[in-house]
Amino acid sequence: MSATMKLKQYSVDTPRETIFQDATALLETIPKWKEGKTFFEGTTHETETKGEVIDDDFWVAAKAHFQDVNLERLRKAIIGTEEAGFSHSDYEPHYKHEISQVQVQGEQFTTFANGWSYKVRTEYSFSFPFSKRTFNQLVHVFVDPIKRWALIVSLPIKGPLFPDSVLGEAVTVEELSWKAERDGPAEWLIASTSGAGGNIPHWASNYALAGILVKDVPNVVDLISGSDYFTEPDSKLLSKQA
């Protein structure tokens, strides 16, 4: 199987249209990937997983089916906005608990007719014996409110490290679709390939990737059910910014 998205450092000058085409082409291949486990069966957020090796990169996909959620909060948590403190990457530390620091370069937000783009530097703190990892990424957000659909693409780019950290790289494509404006069903698909870097062997990061993606699902459910910072950034969020 072949696809155009690769685990590599991308140029910030890569045309946005190219990124969109490559990401949607990748999503179209997922139905043919090898079936994995299904998690959270019997809940309102059943999650299916799949995996595939594409051009020597190991990809994992997790697709969560939400039966009845607060769609306004779900959209904001996954898609984010162009407001300072409310981007997709600002919300991630609240459901990706391995994130220890995030610096969104909000002054470099670029707005397009169908979304926006920005740069972010994120630090992940993994359990012993693994050291911290820095991920420098360009995030492209595409939104189609008429089709009730959004696409978030995060790509590795060159950038500085956090102190005492090792460079890691990941390509992530997220698709969110919904059927109503307020409460109702939705689907969240995440496809990712990564290289943690440092002394973490590639097979180890591959093995862990599905579990990392899947546990984000109940974390998001908890987030949108119990937090009140969807109107104001809270102190935990601000403390993670530079």
C-alpha atoms as a PDB file:
ATOM      1  CA  MET A   1       0.000   0.000   0.000  1.00  0.00           C
ATOM      2  CA  SER A   2       1.279   3.474  -0.846  1.00  0.00           C
ATOM      3  CA  ALA A   3       0.327   6.935   0.378  1.00  0.00           C
ATOM      4  CA  THR A   4       1.824  10.368   0.072  1.00  0.00           C
ATOM      5  CA  MET A   5       2.104  11.290   3.771  1.00  0.00           C
ATOM      6  CA  LYS A   6       5.419  10.272   5.332  1.00  0.00           C
ATOM      7  CA  LEU A   7       7.057  10.355   8.742  1.00  0.00           C
ATOM      8  CA  LYS A   8       9.532  13.132   7.956  1.00  0.00           C
ATOM      9  CA  GLN A   9      10.131  16.797   8.606  1.00  0.00           C
ATOM     10  CA  TYR A  10       7.896  18.895   6.361  1.00  0.00           C
ATOM     11  CA  SER A  11       8.620  22.325   4.967  1.00  0.00           C
ATOM     12  CA  VAL A  12       6.473  25.128   6.357  1.00  0.00           C
ATOM     13  CA  ASP A  13       6.103  26.212   2.728  1.00  0.00           C
ATOM     14  CA  THR A  14       4.327  23.001   1.700  1.00  0.00           C
ATOM     15  CA  PRO A  15       1.102  24.211   0.052  1.00  0.00           C
ATOM     16  CA  ARG A  16      -1.940  23.892   2.266  1.00  0.00           C
ATOM     17  CA  GLU A  17      -3.885  22.393  -0.627  1.00  0.00           C
ATOM     18  CA  THR A  18      -1.259  19.645  -0.966  1.00  0.00           C
ATOM     19  CA  ILE A  19      -1.527  18.794   2.726  1.00  0.00           C
ATOM     20  CA  PHE A  20      -5.321  18.602   2.445  1.00  0.00           C
ATOM     21  CA  GLN A  21      -5.180  16.331  -0.602  1.00  0.00           C
ATOM     22  CA  ASP A  22      -2.566  14.038   0.940  1.00  0.00           C
ATOM     23  CA  ALA A  23      -4.424  13.785   4.257  1.00  0.00           C
ATOM     24  CA  THR A  24      -7.784  12.987   2.675  1.00  0.00           C
ATOM     25  CA  ALA A  25      -6.106  10.427   0.387  1.00  0.00           C
ATOM     26  CA  LEU A  26      -4.668   8.743   3.481  1.00  0.00           C
ATOM     27  CA  LEU A  27      -8.085   8.666   5.162  1.00  0.00           C
ATOM     28  CA  GLU A  28      -9.558   6.938   2.112  1.00  0.00           C
ATOM     29  CA  THR A  29      -7.141   4.014   2.559  1.00  0.00           C
ATOM     30  CA  ILE A  30      -8.075   3.309   6.207  1.00  0.00           C
ATOM     31  CA  PRO A  31     -11.068   1.007   5.471  1.00  0.00           C
ATOM     32  CA  LYS A  32      -8.543  -1.394   3.867  1.00  0.00           C
ATOM     33  CA  TRP A  33      -6.171  -1.452   6.867  1.00  0.00           C
ATOM     34  CA  LYS A  34      -5.827  -4.523   9.087  1.00  0.00           C
ATOM     35  CA  GLU A  35      -8.492  -4.788  11.768  1.00  0.00           C
ATOM     36  CA  GLY A  36      -7.383  -4.298  15.369  1.00  0.00           C
ATOM     37  CA  LYS A  37      -9.142  -4.451  18.715  1.00  0.00           C
ATOM     38  CA  THR A  38     -12.392  -2.686  19.557  1.00  0.00           C
ATOM     39  CA  PHE A  39     -12.330  -0.792  22.843  1.00  0.00           C
ATOM     40  CA  PHE A  40     -15.048   0.474  25.198  1.00  0.00           C
ATOM     41  CA  GLU A  41     -17.684  -1.899  23.820  1.00  0.00           C
ATOM     42  CA  GLY A  42     -21.032  -1.330  25.498  1.00  0.00           C
ATOM     43  CA  THR A  43     -20.289   2.331  26.141  1.00  0.00           C
ATOM     44  CA  THR A  44     -21.411   5.441  24.282  1.00  0.00           C
ATOM     45  CA  HIS A  45     -17.944   5.893  22.759  1.00  0.00           C
ATOM     46  CA  GLU A  46     -17.024   2.530  21.233  1.00  0.00           C
ATOM     47  CA  THR A  47     -13.637   2.788  19.512  1.00  0.00           C
ATOM     48  CA  GLU A  48     -12.308   0.652  16.658  1.00  0.00           C
ATOM     49  CA  THR A  49      -8.610   0.375  15.804  1.00  0.00           C
ATOM     50  CA  LYS A  50      -6.728  -0.535  12.637  1.00  0.00           C
ATOM     51  CA  GLY A  51      -3.090  -0.661  11.573  1.00  0.00           C
ATOM     52  CA  GLU A  52      -1.060  -0.687   8.388  1.00  0.00           C
ATOM     53  CA  VAL A  53       2.511  -0.332   7.157  1.00  0.00           C
ATOM     54  CA  ILE A  54       2.629   2.305   4.436  1.00  0.00           C
ATOM     55  CA  ASP A  55       5.913   3.061   2.674  1.00  0.00           C
ATOM     56  CA  ASP A  56       7.798   1.575   5.678  1.00  0.00           C
ATOM     57  CA  ASP A  57       5.891   3.741   8.189  1.00  0.00           C
ATOM     58  CA  PHE A  58       3.667   1.980  10.721  1.00  0.00           C
ATOM     59  CA  TRP A  59       0.285   3.730  11.006  1.00  0.00           C
ATOM     60  CA  VAL A  60      -2.429   3.215  13.590  1.00  0.00           C
ATOM     61  CA  ALA A  61      -5.999   4.500  13.340  1.00  0.00           C
ATOM     62  CA  ALA A  62      -8.606   4.784  16.091  1.00  0.00           C
ATOM     63  CA  LYS A  63     -12.226   5.654  15.291  1.00  0.00           C
ATOM     64  CA  ALA A  64     -14.514   6.635  18.159  1.00  0.00           C
ATOM     65  CA  HIS A  65     -18.297   6.586  17.793  1.00  0.00           C
ATOM     66  CA  PHE A  66     -19.990   9.015  20.193  1.00  0.00           C
ATOM     67  CA  GLN A  67     -23.704   8.408  20.630  1.00  0.00           C
ATOM     68  CA  ASP A  68     -24.791  11.542  22.471  1.00  0.00           C
ATOM     69  CA  VAL A  69     -22.325  14.287  23.365  1.00  0.00           C
ATOM     70  CA  ASN A  70     -22.210  18.050  23.755  1.00  0.00           C
ATOM     71  CA  LEU A  71     -21.205  18.764  20.170  1.00  0.00           C
ATOM     72  CA  GLU A  72     -20.271  22.390  20.773  1.00  0.00           C
ATOM     73  CA  ARG A  73     -17.712  21.365  23.403  1.00  0.00           C
ATOM     74  CA  LEU A  74     -16.506  18.370  21.405  1.00  0.00           C
ATOM     75  CA  ARG A  75     -15.895  20.524  18.353  1.00  0.00           C
ATOM     76  CA  LYS A  76     -14.009  23.113  20.368  1.00  0.00           C
ATOM     77  CA  ALA A  77     -11.867  20.517  22.174  1.00  0.00           C
ATOM     78  CA  ILE A  78     -10.870  18.716  18.966  1.00  0.00           C
ATOM     79  CA  ILE A  79     -10.902  21.484  16.357  1.00  0.00           C
ATOM     80  CA  GLY A  80     -10.066  24.478  18.553  1.00  0.00           C
ATOM     81  CA  THR A  81     -10.301  28.077  17.385  1.00  0.00           C
ATOM     82  CA  GLU A  82      -7.972  30.912  16.397  1.00  0.00           C
ATOM     83  CA  GLU A  83      -8.338  32.531  19.817  1.00  0.00           C
ATOM     84  CA  ALA A  84      -5.299  32.642  22.115  1.00  0.00           C
ATOM     85  CA  GLY A  85      -5.510  29.712  24.520  1.00  0.00           C
ATOM     86  CA  PHE A  86      -8.220  27.886  22.580  1.00  0.00           C
ATOM     87  CA  SER A  87      -6.399  26.174  19.708  1.00  0.00           C
ATOM     88  CA  HIS A  88      -6.505  22.430  19.083  1.00  0.00           C
ATOM     89  CA  SER A  89      -3.047  22.184  20.660  1.00  0.00           C
ATOM     90  CA  ASP A  90      -4.075  24.197  23.745  1.00  0.00           C
ATOM     91  CA  TYR A  91      -6.833  21.708  24.504  1.00  0.00           C
ATOM     92  CA  GLU A  92      -4.662  18.616  23.982  1.00  0.00           C
ATOM     93  CA  PRO A  93      -2.932  18.689  27.425  1.00  0.00           C
ATOM     94  CA  HIS A  94      -6.358  18.248  29.030  1.00  0.00           C
ATOM     95  CA  TYR A  95      -6.874  14.837  27.450  1.00  0.00           C
ATOM     96  CA  LYS A  96      -3.307  13.854  26.505  1.00  0.00           C
ATOM     97  CA  HIS A  97      -1.925  13.735  30.015  1.00  0.00           C
ATOM     98  CA  GLU A  98       1.631  12.922  28.865  1.00  0.00           C
ATOM     99  CA  ILE A  99       1.965  16.518  27.636  1.00  0.00           C
ATOM    100  CA  SER A 100       3.996  18.545  30.120  1.00  0.00           C
ATOM    101  CA  GLN A 101       4.426  21.774  28.127  1.00  0.00           C
ATOM    102  CA  VAL A 102       2.904  23.330  25.031  1.00  0.00           C
ATOM    103  CA  GLN A 103       3.857  26.574  23.309  1.00  0.00           C
ATOM    104  CA  VAL A 104       1.480  27.690  20.576  1.00  0.00           C
ATOM    105  CA  GLN A 105       2.860  30.438  18.380  1.00  0.00           C
ATOM    106  CA  GLY A 106      -0.441  32.272  18.269  1.00  0.00           C
ATOM    107  CA  GLU A 107       1.042  35.350  16.657  1.00  0.00           C
ATOM    108  CA  GLN A 108       1.740  33.224  13.588  1.00  0.00           C
ATOM    109  CA  PHE A 109      -1.838  32.039  13.036  1.00  0.00           C
ATOM    110  CA  THR A 110      -2.669  32.213   9.339  1.00  0.00           C
ATOM    111  CA  THR A 111      -6.341  32.320   8.408  1.00  0.00           C
ATOM    112  CA  PHE A 112      -7.792  30.775   5.265  1.00  0.00           C
ATOM    113  CA  ALA A 113     -11.323  30.600   3.880  1.00  0.00           C
ATOM    114  CA  ASN A 114     -11.630  27.028   5.147  1.00  0.00           C
ATOM    115  CA  GLY A 115      -9.646  27.162   8.389  1.00  0.00           C
ATOM    116  CA  TRP A 116      -6.273  28.210   9.808  1.00  0.00           C
ATOM    117  CA  SER A 117      -2.679  27.097  10.417  1.00  0.00           C
ATOM    118  CA  TYR A 118      -0.128  27.656  13.204  1.00  0.00           C
ATOM    119  CA  LYS A 119       3.112  26.344  14.714  1.00  0.00           C
ATOM    120  CA  VAL A 120       3.397  24.588  18.076  1.00  0.00           C
ATOM    121  CA  ARG A 121       6.148  23.112  20.251  1.00  0.00           C
ATOM    122  CA  THR A 122       5.019  20.332  22.600  1.00  0.00           C
ATOM    123  CA  GLU A 123       6.858  18.402  25.286  1.00  0.00           C
ATOM    124  CA  TYR A 124       5.797  14.884  26.287  1.00  0.00           C
ATOM    125  CA  SER A 125       6.951  13.398  29.584  1.00  0.00           C
ATOM    126  CA  PHE A 126       6.916   9.617  29.465  1.00  0.00           C
ATOM    127  CA  SER A 127       7.360   7.221  32.365  1.00  0.00           C
ATOM    128  CA  PHE A 128      10.799   5.932  33.407  1.00  0.00           C
ATOM    129  CA  PRO A 129      13.167   5.031  31.802  1.00  0.00           C
ATOM    130  CA  PHE A 130      12.208   7.170  28.801  1.00  0.00           C
ATOM    131  CA  SER A 131      13.234  10.819  28.697  1.00  0.00           C
ATOM    132  CA  LYS A 132      11.136  13.798  27.649  1.00  0.00           C
ATOM    133  CA  ARG A 133      10.378  14.346  23.962  1.00  0.00           C
ATOM    134  CA  THR A 134       9.920  17.607  22.060  1.00  0.00           C
ATOM    135  CA  PHE A 135       7.646  17.672  19.005  1.00  0.00           C
ATOM    136  CA  ASN A 136       7.791  20.741  16.733  1.00  0.00           C
ATOM    137  CA  GLN A 137       4.769  20.791  14.467  1.00  0.00           C
ATOM    138  CA  LEU A 138       2.839  22.757  11.903  1.00  0.00           C
ATOM    139  CA  VAL A 139      -0.895  22.296  12.443  1.00  0.00           C
ATOM    140  CA  HIS A 140      -3.362  22.760   9.590  1.00  0.00           C
ATOM    141  CA  VAL A 141      -7.073  22.981  10.473  1.00  0.00           C
ATOM    142  CA  PHE A 142      -9.762  22.630   7.794  1.00  0.00           C
ATOM    143  CA  VAL A 143     -13.437  23.207   8.668  1.00  0.00           C
ATOM    144  CA  ASP A 144     -16.591  22.732   6.593  1.00  0.00           C
ATOM    145  CA  PRO A 145     -19.587  23.709   8.773  1.00  0.00           C
ATOM    146  CA  ILE A 146     -22.050  22.961   5.969  1.00  0.00           C
ATOM    147  CA  LYS A 147     -20.882  19.340   5.678  1.00  0.00           C
ATOM    148  CA  ARG A 148     -20.390  19.271   9.494  1.00  0.00           C
ATOM    149  CA  TRP A 149     -16.847  18.029   9.112  1.00  0.00           C
ATOM    150  CA  ALA A 150     -13.336  19.073  10.124  1.00  0.00           C
ATOM    151  CA  LEU A 151      -9.794  17.888   9.459  1.00  0.00           C
ATOM    152  CA  ILE A 152      -6.742  18.554  11.651  1.00  0.00           C
ATOM    153  CA  VAL A 153      -3.305  17.669  10.266  1.00  0.00           C
ATOM    154  CA  SER A 154      -0.170  17.894  12.462  1.00  0.00           C
ATOM    155  CA  LEU A 155       3.199  17.651  10.692  1.00  0.00           C
ATOM    156  CA  PRO A 156       6.809  17.608  11.981  1.00  0.00           C
ATOM    157  CA  ILE A 157       8.871  20.720  11.222  1.00  0.00           C
ATOM    158  CA  LYS A 158      12.275  22.018  12.303  1.00  0.00           C
ATOM    159  CA  GLY A 159      12.344  23.834  15.614  1.00  0.00           C
ATOM    160  CA  PRO A 160      14.020  24.197  19.036  1.00  0.00           C
ATOM    161  CA  LEU A 161      13.953  21.644  21.840  1.00  0.00           C
ATOM    162  CA  PHE A 162      12.735  22.066  25.372  1.00  0.00           C
ATOM    163  CA  PRO A 163      15.658  21.733  27.847  1.00  0.00           C
ATOM    164  CA  ASP A 164      16.729  18.162  28.685  1.00  0.00           C
ATOM    165  CA  SER A 165      14.536  16.802  25.921  1.00  0.00           C
ATOM    166  CA  VAL A 166      14.976  14.615  22.827  1.00  0.00           C
ATOM    167  CA  LEU A 167      13.472  15.336  19.416  1.00  0.00           C
ATOM    168  CA  GLY A 168      10.498  13.178  18.463  1.00  0.00           C
ATOM    169  CA  GLU A 169       8.460  13.221  15.261  1.00  0.00           C
ATOM    170  CA  ALA A 170       4.852  12.346  14.490  1.00  0.00           C
ATOM    171  CA  VAL A 171       2.348  12.799  11.674  1.00  0.00           C
ATOM    172  CA  THR A 172      -1.264  12.867  12.817  1.00  0.00           C
ATOM    173  CA  VAL A 173      -4.473  13.224  10.815  1.00  0.00           C
ATOM    174  CA  GLU A 174      -7.744  13.746  12.698  1.00  0.00           C
ATOM    175  CA  GLU A 175     -11.218  13.822  11.203  1.00  0.00           C
ATOM    176  CA  LEU A 176     -14.273  14.943  13.169  1.00  0.00           C
ATOM    177  CA  SER A 177     -17.797  14.648  11.780  1.00  0.00           C
ATOM    178  CA  TRP A 178     -21.148  15.362  13.407  1.00  0.00           C
ATOM    179  CA  LYS A 179     -24.829  15.226  12.452  1.00  0.00           C
ATOM    180  CA  ALA A 180     -26.418  18.027  14.497  1.00  0.00           C
ATOM    181  CA  GLU A 181     -25.481  21.407  15.941  1.00  0.00           C
ATOM    182  CA  ARG A 182     -25.976  20.826  19.664  1.00  0.00           C
ATOM    183  CA  ASP A 183     -26.198  17.345  21.216  1.00  0.00           C
ATOM    184  CA  GLY A 184     -26.048  14.150  19.218  1.00  0.00           C
ATOM    185  CA  PRO A 185     -23.812  11.541  17.555  1.00  0.00           C
ATOM    186  CA  ALA A 186     -20.328  12.205  16.222  1.00  0.00           C
ATOM    187  CA  GLU A 187     -17.290  10.325  14.936  1.00  0.00           C
ATOM    188  CA  TRP A 188     -13.654  11.121  15.690  1.00  0.00           C
ATOM    189  CA  LEU A 189     -11.013   9.374  13.586  1.00  0.00           C
ATOM    190  CA  ILE A 190      -7.310   9.645  14.446  1.00  0.00           C
ATOM    191  CA  ALA A 191      -4.559   8.220  12.237  1.00  0.00           C
ATOM    192  CA  SER A 192      -0.949   8.578  13.322  1.00  0.00           C
ATOM    193  CA  THR A 193       2.596   7.416  12.713  1.00  0.00           C
ATOM    194  CA  SER A 194       5.462   8.385  14.986  1.00  0.00           C
ATOM    195  CA  GLY A 195       9.106   8.017  15.879  1.00  0.00           C
ATOM    196  CA  ALA A 196       9.798   8.831  19.518  1.00  0.00           C
ATOM    197  CA  GLY A 197      13.522   9.312  18.954  1.00  0.00           C
ATOM    198  CA  GLY A 198      16.378   8.854  21.398  1.00  0.00           C
ATOM    199  CA  ASN A 199      16.776   5.359  22.835  1.00  0.00           C
ATOM    200  CA  ILE A 200      13.182   4.293  22.221  1.00  0.00           C
ATOM    201  CA  PRO A 201      13.267   1.614  19.499  1.00  0.00           C
ATOM    202  CA  HIS A 202      10.837   2.035  16.628  1.00  0.00           C
ATOM    203  CA  TRP A 203       9.024  -1.221  17.419  1.00  0.00           C
ATOM    204  CA  ALA A 204       8.355  -0.011  20.968  1.00  0.00           C
ATOM    205  CA  SER A 205       6.756   3.242  19.850  1.00  0.00           C
ATOM    206  CA  ASN A 206       4.693   1.302  17.292  1.00  0.00           C
ATOM    207  CA  TYR A 207       3.462  -1.098  19.972  1.00  0.00           C
ATOM    208  CA  ALA A 208       2.444   1.740  22.284  1.00  0.00           C
ATOM    209  CA  LEU A 209       0.777   3.943  19.660  1.00  0.00           C
ATOM    210  CA  ALA A 210      -2.647   2.236  19.576  1.00  0.00           C
ATOM    211  CA  GLY A 211      -2.977   2.383  23.352  1.00  0.00           C
ATOM    212  CA  ILE A 212      -2.007   6.049  23.405  1.00  0.00           C
ATOM    213  CA  LEU A 213      -4.613   6.960  20.790  1.00  0.00           C
ATOM    214  CA  VAL A 214      -7.410   4.924  22.345  1.00  0.00           C
ATOM    215  CA  LYS A 215      -7.105   6.303  25.864  1.00  0.00           C
ATOM    216  CA  ASP A 216      -7.626   9.832  24.522  1.00  0.00           C
ATOM    217  CA  VAL A 217     -11.255   8.930  23.836  1.00  0.00           C
ATOM    218  CA  PRO A 218     -12.553   8.547  27.431  1.00  0.00           C
ATOM    219  CA  ASN A 219     -10.303  11.442  28.443  1.00  0.00           C
ATOM    220  CA  VAL A 220     -12.111  13.669  25.933  1.00  0.00           C
ATOM    221  CA  VAL A 221     -15.476  12.428  27.192  1.00  0.00           C
ATOM    222  CA  ASP A 222     -14.490  13.379  30.745  1.00  0.00           C
ATOM    223  CA  LEU A 223     -13.148  16.717  29.549  1.00  0.00           C
ATOM    224  CA  ILE A 224     -16.274  17.892  27.770  1.00  0.00           C
ATOM    225  CA  SER A 225     -18.509  16.593  30.545  1.00  0.00           C
ATOM    226  CA  GLY A 226     -16.899  18.293  33.508  1.00  0.00           C
ATOM    227  CA  SER A 227     -14.772  21.303  32.575  1.00  0.00           C
ATOM    228  CA  ASP A 228     -15.883  24.927  32.414  1.00  0.00           C
ATOM    229  CA  TYR A 229     -12.941  26.507  30.588  1.00  0.00           C
ATOM    230  CA  PHE A 230     -14.671  26.356  27.217  1.00  0.00           C
ATOM    231  CA  THR A 231     -15.450  30.044  27.721  1.00  0.00           C
ATOM    232  CA  GLU A 232     -12.333  31.107  29.647  1.00  0.00           C
ATOM    233  CA  PRO A 233      -8.842  29.537  29.665  1.00  0.00           C
ATOM    234  CA  ASP A 234      -8.120  28.052  33.087  1.00  0.00           C
ATOM    235  CA  SER A 235      -4.937  28.300  35.142  1.00  0.00           C
ATOM    236  CA  LYS A 236      -3.795  24.775  34.210  1.00  0.00           C
ATOM    237  CA  LEU A 237      -3.947  25.654  30.532  1.00  0.00           C
ATOM    238  CA  LEU A 238      -2.146  28.979  30.907  1.00  0.00           C
ATOM    239  CA  SER A 239       0.595  27.451  33.043  1.00  0.00           C
ATOM    240  CA  LYS A 240       1.568  25.215  30.117  1.00  0.00           C
ATOM    241  CA  GLN A 241       2.130  28.130  27.761  1.00  0.00           C
ATOM    242  CA  ALA A 242       5.339  30.108  27.374  1.00  0.00           C
END
